[in-house]
Amino acid sequence: MAKKKGGFGRFLGAITGTPYERLLKQIDKLVDQYDEDEEELANQLESMVDQAGDAYEQESIDEEEHDLIIEAIEEADPEGRVFGKLGGDEDA
């Protein structure tokens, strides 16, 4: 039987959230931080695309979470860019 996560590790997990939640919070923070500087915001969001890809490769987030993060980045991007998603287009 697997040992239940306990004590301090569980406490830290509750504070920091999942990798998916941390990435979403970071996007919101960037939008607030670079509200006046659209060029820098665009650069920072492009970096977040790389971070989302890295998190997926490290299996910290799954395919669906990756695509949701990319959608959040696209919505926040002042240049209106579209970034690659992993999942197939299910809206067709």
N, C-alpha and C. Protein backbone atom coordinates (compact mmCIF):
# COMPACT_ATOMS: atom_id res chain seq x y z
N MET A 1 0.84 -1.17 0.00
CA MET A 1 0.00 0.00 0.00
C MET A 1 0.89 1.24 0.00
N ALA A 2 0.53 2.22 -0.78
CA ALA A 2 1.32 3.45 -0.88
C ALA A 2 1.18 4.29 0.38
N LYS A 3 2.30 4.90 0.73
CA LYS A 3 2.30 5.75 1.92
C LYS A 3 1.59 7.06 1.60
N LYS A 4 0.74 7.48 2.48
CA LYS A 4 0.01 8.73 2.31
C LYS A 4 0.95 9.90 2.52
N LYS A 5 0.86 10.88 1.63
CA LYS A 5 1.66 12.09 1.77
C LYS A 5 1.22 12.80 3.05
N GLY A 6 2.17 13.16 3.85
CA GLY A 6 1.76 13.74 5.12
C GLY A 6 2.56 14.96 5.50
N GLY A 7 2.14 15.54 6.57
CA GLY A 7 2.85 16.62 7.22
C GLY A 7 3.24 17.79 6.35
N PHE A 8 4.52 18.10 6.42
CA PHE A 8 5.04 19.31 5.80
C PHE A 8 4.87 19.32 4.28
N GLY A 9 5.10 18.19 3.61
CA GLY A 9 4.95 18.12 2.16
C GLY A 9 3.53 18.42 1.72
N ARG A 10 2.59 17.92 2.45
CA ARG A 10 1.19 18.17 2.14
C ARG A 10 0.84 19.64 2.34
N PHE A 11 1.40 20.22 3.41
CA PHE A 11 1.19 21.64 3.70
C PHE A 11 1.73 22.51 2.57
N LEU A 12 2.94 22.22 2.11
CA LEU A 12 3.53 22.99 1.01
C LEU A 12 2.73 22.84 -0.27
N GLY A 13 2.25 21.64 -0.54
CA GLY A 13 1.45 21.41 -1.73
C GLY A 13 0.17 22.23 -1.73
N ALA A 14 -0.41 22.39 -0.57
CA ALA A 14 -1.64 23.18 -0.45
C ALA A 14 -1.38 24.65 -0.70
N ILE A 15 -0.21 25.12 -0.29
CA ILE A 15 0.12 26.54 -0.47
C ILE A 15 0.48 26.85 -1.91
N THR A 16 1.33 26.03 -2.49
CA THR A 16 1.87 26.34 -3.81
C THR A 16 0.95 25.97 -4.95
N GLY A 17 0.12 24.98 -4.78
CA GLY A 17 -0.78 24.55 -5.85
C GLY A 17 -0.08 23.62 -6.82
N THR A 18 -0.81 23.18 -7.80
CA THR A 18 -0.26 22.28 -8.81
C THR A 18 0.59 23.07 -9.79
N PRO A 19 1.44 22.39 -10.56
CA PRO A 19 2.21 23.11 -11.59
C PRO A 19 1.31 23.87 -12.56
N TYR A 20 0.16 23.29 -12.89
CA TYR A 20 -0.80 23.96 -13.77
C TYR A 20 -1.28 25.27 -13.16
N GLU A 21 -1.66 25.22 -11.88
CA GLU A 21 -2.15 26.43 -11.20
C GLU A 21 -1.06 27.48 -11.08
N ARG A 22 0.17 27.04 -10.82
CA ARG A 22 1.28 27.99 -10.70
C ARG A 22 1.53 28.70 -12.03
N LEU A 23 1.46 27.96 -13.14
CA LEU A 23 1.67 28.59 -14.44
C LEU A 23 0.57 29.60 -14.75
N LEU A 24 -0.67 29.26 -14.43
CA LEU A 24 -1.78 30.20 -14.66
C LEU A 24 -1.62 31.46 -13.81
N LYS A 25 -1.21 31.28 -12.55
CA LYS A 25 -0.99 32.44 -11.68
C LYS A 25 0.14 33.31 -12.22
N GLN A 26 1.16 32.66 -12.77
CA GLN A 26 2.29 33.41 -13.31
C GLN A 26 1.86 34.24 -14.52
N ILE A 27 0.98 33.71 -15.35
CA ILE A 27 0.46 34.45 -16.50
C ILE A 27 -0.30 35.68 -16.01
N ASP A 28 -1.18 35.50 -15.03
CA ASP A 28 -1.93 36.63 -14.47
C ASP A 28 -1.00 37.68 -13.89
N LYS A 29 0.03 37.23 -13.21
CA LYS A 29 0.99 38.15 -12.61
C LYS A 29 1.73 38.95 -13.68
N LEU A 30 2.11 38.29 -14.78
CA LEU A 30 2.79 38.99 -15.87
C LEU A 30 1.90 40.04 -16.50
N VAL A 31 0.63 39.71 -16.69
CA VAL A 31 -0.32 40.66 -17.28
C VAL A 31 -0.43 41.90 -16.40
N ASP A 32 -0.51 41.70 -15.09
CA ASP A 32 -0.58 42.84 -14.17
C ASP A 32 0.72 43.62 -14.14
N GLN A 33 1.84 42.91 -14.13
CA GLN A 33 3.15 43.54 -14.00
C GLN A 33 3.52 44.37 -15.23
N TYR A 34 3.21 43.86 -16.41
CA TYR A 34 3.61 44.53 -17.65
C TYR A 34 2.41 45.17 -18.35
N ASP A 35 1.47 45.66 -17.58
CA ASP A 35 0.25 46.26 -18.11
C ASP A 35 0.56 47.41 -19.06
N GLU A 36 1.57 48.21 -18.76
CA GLU A 36 1.91 49.39 -19.56
C GLU A 36 2.90 49.09 -20.68
N ASP A 37 3.60 47.95 -20.63
CA ASP A 37 4.66 47.64 -21.59
C ASP A 37 4.28 46.39 -22.39
N GLU A 38 3.53 46.60 -23.48
CA GLU A 38 3.02 45.47 -24.26
C GLU A 38 4.13 44.65 -24.89
N GLU A 39 5.21 45.30 -25.32
CA GLU A 39 6.31 44.56 -25.95
C GLU A 39 6.96 43.60 -24.95
N GLU A 40 7.20 44.08 -23.74
CA GLU A 40 7.80 43.21 -22.72
C GLU A 40 6.83 42.11 -22.30
N LEU A 41 5.54 42.43 -22.23
CA LEU A 41 4.54 41.42 -21.91
C LEU A 41 4.56 40.32 -22.97
N ALA A 42 4.62 40.71 -24.24
CA ALA A 42 4.67 39.73 -25.32
C ALA A 42 5.90 38.83 -25.19
N ASN A 43 7.04 39.42 -24.86
CA ASN A 43 8.26 38.63 -24.68
C ASN A 43 8.13 37.66 -23.51
N GLN A 44 7.58 38.13 -22.41
CA GLN A 44 7.42 37.29 -21.23
C GLN A 44 6.42 36.15 -21.49
N LEU A 45 5.36 36.44 -22.23
CA LEU A 45 4.38 35.40 -22.54
C LEU A 45 4.97 34.35 -23.47
N GLU A 46 5.82 34.78 -24.39
CA GLU A 46 6.49 33.81 -25.27
C GLU A 46 7.37 32.87 -24.44
N SER A 47 8.01 33.41 -23.44
CA SER A 47 8.80 32.59 -22.52
C SER A 47 7.91 31.60 -21.77
N MET A 48 6.71 32.03 -21.43
CA MET A 48 5.77 31.15 -20.74
C MET A 48 5.35 29.97 -21.61
N VAL A 49 5.29 30.18 -22.92
CA VAL A 49 4.99 29.08 -23.84
C VAL A 49 6.06 28.00 -23.70
N ASP A 50 7.32 28.43 -23.65
CA ASP A 50 8.42 27.49 -23.47
C ASP A 50 8.32 26.77 -22.12
N GLN A 51 7.96 27.51 -21.08
CA GLN A 51 7.82 26.90 -19.75
C GLN A 51 6.70 25.86 -19.73
N ALA A 52 5.61 26.15 -20.43
CA ALA A 52 4.51 25.19 -20.51
C ALA A 52 4.96 23.92 -21.22
N GLY A 53 5.73 24.09 -22.30
CA GLY A 53 6.26 22.93 -23.01
C GLY A 53 7.20 22.12 -22.15
N ASP A 54 8.05 22.80 -21.40
CA ASP A 54 8.98 22.11 -20.50
C ASP A 54 8.21 21.34 -19.42
N ALA A 55 7.19 21.96 -18.87
CA ALA A 55 6.39 21.31 -17.82
C ALA A 55 5.71 20.06 -18.38
N TYR A 56 5.25 20.12 -19.62
CA TYR A 56 4.62 18.96 -20.24
C TYR A 56 5.64 17.85 -20.45
N GLU A 57 6.83 18.22 -20.95
CA GLU A 57 7.88 17.22 -21.19
C GLU A 57 8.32 16.55 -19.89
N GLN A 58 8.30 17.30 -18.80
CA GLN A 58 8.68 16.75 -17.49
C GLN A 58 7.52 16.03 -16.83
N GLU A 59 6.39 15.98 -17.52
CA GLU A 59 5.17 15.33 -17.05
C GLU A 59 4.61 15.97 -15.78
N SER A 60 4.87 17.27 -15.62
CA SER A 60 4.29 18.02 -14.51
C SER A 60 2.84 18.39 -14.81
N ILE A 61 2.54 18.57 -16.09
CA ILE A 61 1.18 18.86 -16.53
C ILE A 61 0.84 17.90 -17.67
N ASP A 62 -0.45 17.67 -17.87
CA ASP A 62 -0.85 16.79 -18.96
C ASP A 62 -1.17 17.61 -20.22
N GLU A 63 -1.56 16.91 -21.27
CA GLU A 63 -1.82 17.55 -22.56
C GLU A 63 -2.93 18.59 -22.47
N GLU A 64 -4.01 18.25 -21.78
CA GLU A 64 -5.14 19.18 -21.65
C GLU A 64 -4.73 20.45 -20.89
N GLU A 65 -3.98 20.27 -19.80
CA GLU A 65 -3.53 21.43 -19.03
C GLU A 65 -2.59 22.30 -19.85
N HIS A 66 -1.73 21.66 -20.63
CA HIS A 66 -0.82 22.41 -21.51
C HIS A 66 -1.62 23.29 -22.46
N ASP A 67 -2.61 22.69 -23.10
CA ASP A 67 -3.41 23.44 -24.08
C ASP A 67 -4.21 24.57 -23.42
N LEU A 68 -4.69 24.35 -22.21
CA LEU A 68 -5.41 25.41 -21.50
C LEU A 68 -4.48 26.56 -21.13
N ILE A 69 -3.25 26.24 -20.77
CA ILE A 69 -2.26 27.29 -20.47
C ILE A 69 -1.95 28.08 -21.73
N ILE A 70 -1.78 27.38 -22.85
CA ILE A 70 -1.50 28.05 -24.12
C ILE A 70 -2.67 28.97 -24.49
N GLU A 71 -3.90 28.53 -24.27
CA GLU A 71 -5.07 29.38 -24.55
C GLU A 71 -5.07 30.62 -23.67
N ALA A 72 -4.69 30.47 -22.40
CA ALA A 72 -4.62 31.63 -21.50
C ALA A 72 -3.55 32.61 -21.97
N ILE A 73 -2.44 32.08 -22.46
CA ILE A 73 -1.37 32.94 -22.99
C ILE A 73 -1.86 33.67 -24.23
N GLU A 74 -2.55 32.96 -25.11
CA GLU A 74 -3.06 33.59 -26.34
C GLU A 74 -4.05 34.71 -26.01
N GLU A 75 -4.90 34.49 -25.02
CA GLU A 75 -5.87 35.53 -24.63
C GLU A 75 -5.18 36.76 -24.07
N ALA A 76 -4.07 36.55 -23.37
CA ALA A 76 -3.36 37.66 -22.73
C ALA A 76 -2.38 38.35 -23.68
N ASP A 77 -2.04 37.70 -24.78
CA ASP A 77 -1.00 38.22 -25.68
C ASP A 77 -1.46 39.49 -26.38
N PRO A 78 -0.73 40.59 -26.20
CA PRO A 78 -1.14 41.86 -26.83
C PRO A 78 -0.98 41.85 -28.35
N GLU A 79 -0.18 40.93 -28.87
CA GLU A 79 0.03 40.85 -30.31
C GLU A 79 -0.95 39.90 -30.99
N GLY A 80 -1.79 39.22 -30.21
CA GLY A 80 -2.79 38.33 -30.76
C GLY A 80 -2.23 37.10 -31.44
N ARG A 81 -1.05 36.66 -31.00
CA ARG A 81 -0.42 35.49 -31.62
C ARG A 81 -1.15 34.21 -31.22
N VAL A 82 -0.98 33.19 -32.06
CA VAL A 82 -1.52 31.86 -31.80
C VAL A 82 -0.33 30.92 -31.66
N PHE A 83 -0.33 30.13 -30.60
CA PHE A 83 0.77 29.21 -30.33
C PHE A 83 0.29 27.78 -30.51
N GLY A 84 1.22 26.88 -30.75
CA GLY A 84 0.90 25.48 -30.99
C GLY A 84 0.37 24.76 -29.76
N LYS A 85 -0.67 23.98 -29.99
CA LYS A 85 -1.25 23.17 -28.93
C LYS A 85 -0.96 21.71 -29.23
N LEU A 86 -1.03 20.88 -28.21
CA LEU A 86 -0.72 19.47 -28.36
C LEU A 86 -1.92 18.66 -28.81
N GLY A 87 -3.10 18.97 -28.28
CA GLY A 87 -4.31 18.21 -28.58
C GLY A 87 -4.84 18.51 -29.97
N GLY A 88 -5.62 17.57 -30.48
CA GLY A 88 -6.26 17.79 -31.76
C GLY A 88 -7.37 18.81 -31.64
N ASP A 89 -7.76 19.41 -32.75
CA ASP A 89 -8.83 20.41 -32.73
C ASP A 89 -10.17 19.70 -32.68
N GLU A 90 -10.79 19.72 -31.52
CA GLU A 90 -12.04 19.00 -31.31
C GLU A 90 -13.27 19.85 -31.63
N ASP A 91 -13.05 21.10 -32.02
CA ASP A 91 -14.17 21.99 -32.32
C ASP A 91 -14.70 21.80 -33.73
N ALA A 92 -14.00 21.07 -34.56
CA ALA A 92 -14.35 20.93 -35.97
C ALA A 92 -15.61 20.15 -36.17
